[in-house]
Protein backbone atom coordinates (compact mmCIF):
# COMPACT_ATOMS: atom_id res chain seq x y z
CA MET A 1 0.00 0.00 0.00
CA ASN A 2 1.45 3.39 -0.99
CA ASP A 3 1.52 6.60 1.07
CA LEU A 4 -1.55 8.10 -0.66
CA GLN A 5 -3.62 5.03 0.18
CA HIS A 6 -2.58 5.30 3.83
CA VAL A 7 -3.55 8.99 3.84
CA ILE A 8 -6.95 8.16 2.31
CA ARG A 9 -7.56 5.64 5.09
CA ALA A 10 -6.52 8.15 7.76
CA ALA A 11 -8.74 10.91 6.34
CA VAL A 12 -11.81 8.66 6.03
CA SER A 13 -11.32 7.16 9.50
CA SER A 14 -10.92 10.54 11.22
CA GLY A 15 -13.75 12.04 9.16
CA ASN A 16 -16.17 9.35 10.25
CA ILE A 17 -15.14 9.90 13.87
CA ILE A 18 -15.75 13.66 13.78
CA LEU A 19 -19.12 13.10 12.11
CA LYS A 20 -20.18 10.93 15.05
CA LEU A 21 -18.73 13.38 17.58
CA ARG A 22 -20.84 16.25 16.20
CA ASP A 23 -23.87 14.86 18.06
CA THR A 24 -22.01 14.88 21.39
CA ASN A 25 -21.40 17.64 23.91
CA PHE A 26 -17.82 18.44 22.84
CA SER A 27 -15.78 21.34 24.19
CA LYS A 28 -14.77 24.34 22.03
CA THR A 29 -12.46 27.35 22.37
CA ASN A 30 -12.05 30.49 20.25
CA LYS A 31 -8.61 31.26 18.83
CA GLU A 32 -8.03 34.48 16.86
CA SER A 33 -11.68 35.29 16.15
CA ASN A 34 -15.26 34.12 16.70
CA ARG A 35 -15.04 31.90 13.61
CA ASP A 36 -11.51 30.65 14.28
CA VAL A 37 -12.39 27.87 16.71
CA VAL A 38 -10.82 24.67 17.99
CA THR A 39 -13.00 21.88 19.32
CA GLU A 40 -12.36 18.65 21.14
CA ALA A 41 -13.24 16.95 17.83
CA ASP A 42 -10.36 18.78 16.06
CA LEU A 43 -7.91 17.43 18.64
CA ILE A 44 -9.27 13.88 18.47
CA SER A 45 -9.20 13.90 14.66
CA GLU A 46 -5.64 15.23 14.64
CA LYS A 47 -4.45 12.50 17.02
CA VAL A 48 -6.14 9.75 15.00
CA ILE A 49 -4.44 10.94 11.79
CA ILE A 50 -0.98 11.41 13.29
CA ASP A 51 -1.02 8.13 15.23
CA PHE A 52 -2.14 6.14 12.18
CA LEU A 53 0.24 7.71 9.65
CA SER A 54 3.19 7.58 12.03
CA LYS A 55 2.81 3.78 12.00
CA GLU A 56 2.14 3.39 8.27
CA ILE A 57 4.47 5.93 6.57
CA LYS A 58 8.22 5.56 7.00
CA ASN A 59 9.88 8.70 8.42
CA PHE A 60 6.49 10.43 8.60
CA SER A 61 6.93 14.23 8.77
CA TYR A 62 3.99 16.53 9.36
CA LEU A 63 2.68 19.98 10.20
CA SER A 64 -0.76 19.89 11.79
CA GLU A 65 -3.04 22.85 12.55
CA GLU A 66 -3.63 22.37 16.25
CA LEU A 67 -0.09 21.34 17.20
CA ASN A 68 1.32 23.96 14.77
CA ILE A 69 4.81 22.46 15.01
CA LEU A 70 6.63 20.93 12.04
CA VAL A 71 7.73 17.46 13.11
CA GLY A 72 10.44 15.79 11.03
CA ASN A 73 11.76 16.86 7.64
CA SER A 74 10.91 20.43 6.63
CA ASP A 75 11.85 19.71 2.98
CA GLU A 76 8.90 17.34 2.57
CA TYR A 77 6.03 16.80 4.96
CA TRP A 78 2.27 16.28 5.21
CA ALA A 79 0.12 19.32 6.08
CA ILE A 80 -2.87 18.23 8.16
CA ASP A 81 -6.11 20.06 8.89
CA PRO A 82 -8.15 17.72 11.10
CA ILE A 83 -11.30 19.79 10.50
CA ASP A 84 -11.26 22.49 7.83
CA GLY A 85 -14.42 24.50 8.41
CA THR A 86 -14.72 24.07 12.18
CA ALA A 87 -17.23 26.94 12.48
CA ASN A 88 -19.39 25.14 9.89
CA TYR A 89 -18.95 21.88 11.78
CA ILE A 90 -20.22 23.48 15.00
CA SER A 91 -23.16 25.22 13.32
CA GLY A 92 -24.51 22.12 11.56
CA SER A 93 -23.39 22.94 8.01
CA LYS A 94 -22.15 20.07 5.87
CA ASN A 95 -19.27 22.17 4.51
CA PHE A 96 -16.40 20.80 6.57
CA CYS A 97 -13.73 18.24 5.80
CA VAL A 98 -10.48 16.54 6.72
CA SER A 99 -7.58 17.79 4.58
CA ILE A 100 -4.13 16.17 4.27
CA GLY A 101 -1.67 17.35 1.61
CA ASN A 102 1.95 16.63 0.79
CA VAL A 103 4.28 19.66 0.75
CA CYS A 104 7.67 19.57 -0.95
CA GLY A 105 8.98 23.16 -0.90
CA GLU A 106 6.21 24.99 -2.76
CA MET A 107 5.37 21.90 -4.81
CA LEU A 108 2.02 20.38 -3.86
CA ASN A 109 1.69 17.04 -5.59
CA LYS A 110 -0.50 14.75 -3.48
CA GLY A 111 -3.55 15.31 -1.35
CA VAL A 112 -6.75 13.96 0.17
CA VAL A 113 -9.91 15.88 1.12
CA PHE A 114 -12.75 13.98 2.78
CA ALA A 115 -16.08 15.65 3.53
CA PRO A 116 -17.82 13.14 5.81
CA ALA A 117 -21.22 14.86 6.02
CA LEU A 118 -21.38 14.84 2.20
CA ASN A 119 -19.64 11.45 1.89
CA ASP A 120 -17.34 12.93 -0.75
CA LEU A 121 -13.74 11.77 -1.06
CA TYR A 122 -11.28 13.69 -3.23
CA TYR A 123 -7.75 12.38 -3.75
CA SER A 124 -4.89 13.12 -6.08
CA SER A 125 -1.32 12.47 -7.11
CA GLU A 126 0.72 13.44 -10.16
CA GLU A 127 0.74 9.83 -11.32
CA LEU A 128 -2.98 9.16 -10.84
CA GLY A 129 -4.51 12.55 -11.56
CA SER A 130 -7.42 13.77 -9.43
CA TYR A 131 -10.57 11.92 -8.44
CA LYS A 132 -13.84 12.42 -6.62
CA ASN A 133 -15.42 9.20 -5.41
CA GLN A 134 -13.41 7.25 -8.01
CA GLN A 135 -14.48 9.51 -10.89
CA LYS A 136 -11.67 11.38 -12.62
CA LEU A 137 -11.72 15.18 -12.50
CA LYS A 138 -10.74 17.55 -15.31
CA VAL A 139 -10.77 21.33 -14.96
CA ILE A 140 -11.95 23.31 -17.97
CA GLU A 141 -10.98 26.88 -18.85
CA SER A 142 -13.69 29.47 -18.20
CA ASN A 143 -14.21 33.19 -18.63
CA LEU A 144 -14.39 35.43 -15.58
CA SER A 145 -17.86 36.63 -16.53
CA ASP A 146 -19.14 33.03 -16.54
CA SER A 147 -17.37 31.93 -13.36
CA LEU A 148 -18.29 31.68 -9.72
CA ILE A 149 -15.21 32.55 -7.66
CA ALA A 150 -14.67 31.07 -4.19
CA ILE A 151 -13.10 33.36 -1.59
CA SER A 152 -11.27 32.38 1.60
CA LEU A 153 -10.66 35.05 4.22
CA PRO A 154 -8.45 34.84 7.32
CA GLY A 155 -9.82 34.72 10.84
CA LYS A 156 -7.96 37.93 11.63
CA THR A 157 -6.28 40.61 9.52
CA ASP A 158 -5.31 44.26 9.79
CA ARG A 159 -7.80 46.98 8.90
CA ARG A 160 -5.87 48.46 5.96
CA PHE A 161 -5.33 45.09 4.29
CA SER A 162 -9.01 44.25 4.78
CA LYS A 163 -10.04 47.53 3.14
CA ASP A 164 -7.93 46.73 0.06
CA ILE A 165 -9.31 43.19 -0.12
CA TYR A 166 -12.96 44.26 0.09
CA LYS A 167 -12.52 46.86 -2.64
CA ILE A 168 -11.08 44.19 -4.94
CA LEU A 169 -13.79 41.70 -4.01
CA TYR A 170 -16.46 44.29 -4.85
CA ASP A 171 -14.96 44.64 -8.34
CA LEU A 172 -14.55 40.89 -8.71
CA ASN A 173 -18.16 40.27 -7.71
CA SER A 174 -19.39 42.68 -10.37
CA GLN A 175 -17.20 41.21 -13.15
CA SER A 176 -17.81 37.53 -12.45
CA SER A 177 -20.92 35.39 -11.95
CA GLY A 178 -20.45 36.09 -8.24
CA ILE A 179 -18.16 35.45 -5.31
CA LEU A 180 -18.97 32.88 -2.65
CA ARG A 181 -17.48 31.83 0.66
CA LEU A 182 -18.32 28.36 2.00
CA GLY A 183 -16.02 28.58 5.02
CA SER A 184 -13.65 25.78 3.96
CA ALA A 185 -10.71 26.53 1.66
CA SER A 186 -10.16 22.81 1.08
CA LEU A 187 -13.72 22.36 -0.20
CA HIS A 188 -13.48 25.51 -2.32
CA LEU A 189 -10.51 23.98 -4.10
CA ALA A 190 -12.05 20.52 -4.35
CA ASN A 191 -15.17 22.10 -5.87
CA HIS A 192 -12.99 24.01 -8.34
CA ALA A 193 -11.43 20.72 -9.44
CA GLU A 194 -14.94 19.54 -10.40
CA ASN A 195 -15.76 22.85 -12.15
CA ILE A 196 -18.28 24.15 -9.65
CA PHE A 197 -16.07 27.19 -9.11
CA GLY A 198 -14.16 28.71 -12.01
CA GLY A 199 -11.39 29.73 -9.61
CA CYS A 200 -10.43 30.18 -5.97
CA ILE A 201 -8.74 33.04 -4.12
CA GLY A 202 -7.53 33.09 -0.53
CA PHE A 203 -5.69 35.40 1.83
CA ASN A 204 -3.36 34.44 4.70
CA ALA A 205 -4.29 30.79 4.33
CA PRO A 206 -2.28 28.30 6.41
CA ILE A 207 -0.65 25.61 4.30
CA TRP A 208 -2.72 22.89 6.02
CA ASP A 209 -5.88 24.56 4.63
CA ILE A 210 -4.74 24.49 1.02
CA ALA A 211 -2.01 21.90 0.35
CA ALA A 212 -4.36 19.03 -0.47
CA GLY A 213 -6.85 21.16 -2.39
CA LEU A 214 -4.23 22.84 -4.55
CA ALA A 215 -2.70 19.45 -5.43
CA ILE A 216 -6.16 18.17 -6.43
CA CYS A 217 -6.73 21.25 -8.62
CA LYS A 218 -3.29 21.12 -10.22
CA ASN A 219 -3.51 17.42 -11.03
CA ALA A 220 -6.98 18.00 -12.51
CA GLY A 221 -5.51 20.50 -14.98
CA SER A 222 -5.80 23.81 -13.14
CA SER A 223 -2.93 26.08 -12.07
CA TYR A 224 -2.04 28.00 -8.93
CA LYS A 225 0.11 30.82 -7.62
CA LEU A 226 1.31 31.12 -4.02
CA PHE A 227 2.35 34.40 -2.42
CA LYS A 228 4.29 34.44 0.84
CA THR A 229 2.94 36.40 3.79
CA ASN A 230 4.49 37.62 7.03
CA ASN A 231 3.04 34.57 8.80
CA GLU A 232 5.07 31.38 8.72
CA HIS A 233 3.44 28.58 6.71
CA SER A 234 0.69 30.94 5.42
CA TYR A 235 0.07 32.12 1.87
CA HIS A 236 -2.18 34.20 -0.30
CA TYR A 237 -3.18 32.05 -3.26
CA ILE A 238 -5.02 31.91 -6.56
CA SER A 239 -6.11 28.71 -8.28
CA ALA A 240 -7.70 28.79 -11.73
CA PRO A 241 -7.08 27.58 -15.28
CA PRO A 242 -4.11 29.41 -16.86
CA LEU A 243 -5.90 32.25 -18.68
CA LEU A 244 -8.28 33.04 -15.83
CA LEU A 245 -5.42 32.74 -13.35
CA GLU A 246 -3.56 35.57 -15.05
CA GLU A 247 -6.71 37.72 -15.19
CA LEU A 248 -7.35 37.21 -11.48
CA HIS A 249 -3.71 37.91 -10.69
CA GLN A 250 -3.92 41.25 -12.48
CA MET A 251 -7.04 42.21 -10.52
CA LEU A 252 -5.35 41.27 -7.25
CA ARG A 253 -1.90 42.70 -7.94
CA LYS A 254 -2.33 45.49 -5.36
CA VAL A 255 -2.49 43.00 -2.48
CA LEU A 256 -0.70 39.97 -4.00
CA ARG A 257 2.85 41.10 -4.68
């Protein structure tokens, strides 16, 4: 069994656990904002994933959201979000998932996203391509005017940066078919890989939110750009087919340098 198969097993196992835990009286704590939350379910999911993959993958290196410490080899590791969309998870929305992606420098080549409430499994590698529930995914080029664009915003940002972002998003909303925010960057990207969204944009996104999703998009034929931020392991990003990617980059050039 290869590493991707082990990661699929870990994501599905932890996803099924958090789905069951949602009906229990779990504890929760706010982090940077009212929608940046950690729950007991996040911690349990994280432990399940790390314990399983530590046994199954030789020299397993990882960076996980709640521990927020890179363990092992910084040149190549697995970025783990035990629940991407925790605020959705708490509120009863189905838009949450487990996200595990391989990071090799800024190369994102393998990833798994499992949305247990939707029973949707996305997985990808350069060799295999990208799949949703065993059906191969292929991104098609689209015009901005015909595209829904998914937006991911950070839990906390400074006022001036927010003002610049919202001005750009106003323009983007008027020039596209609309901008949407589901509250899970991983699912935004997975949905882009199946052509629900024409493209995805995010600001100050931790690598564990986007590594798996960007790999799935890239291996389905899309493209991406990463932009470093002042926060370690966090990026602004754009994912879209090549022509739309360049158009979005031009619109965002004031904040994505």
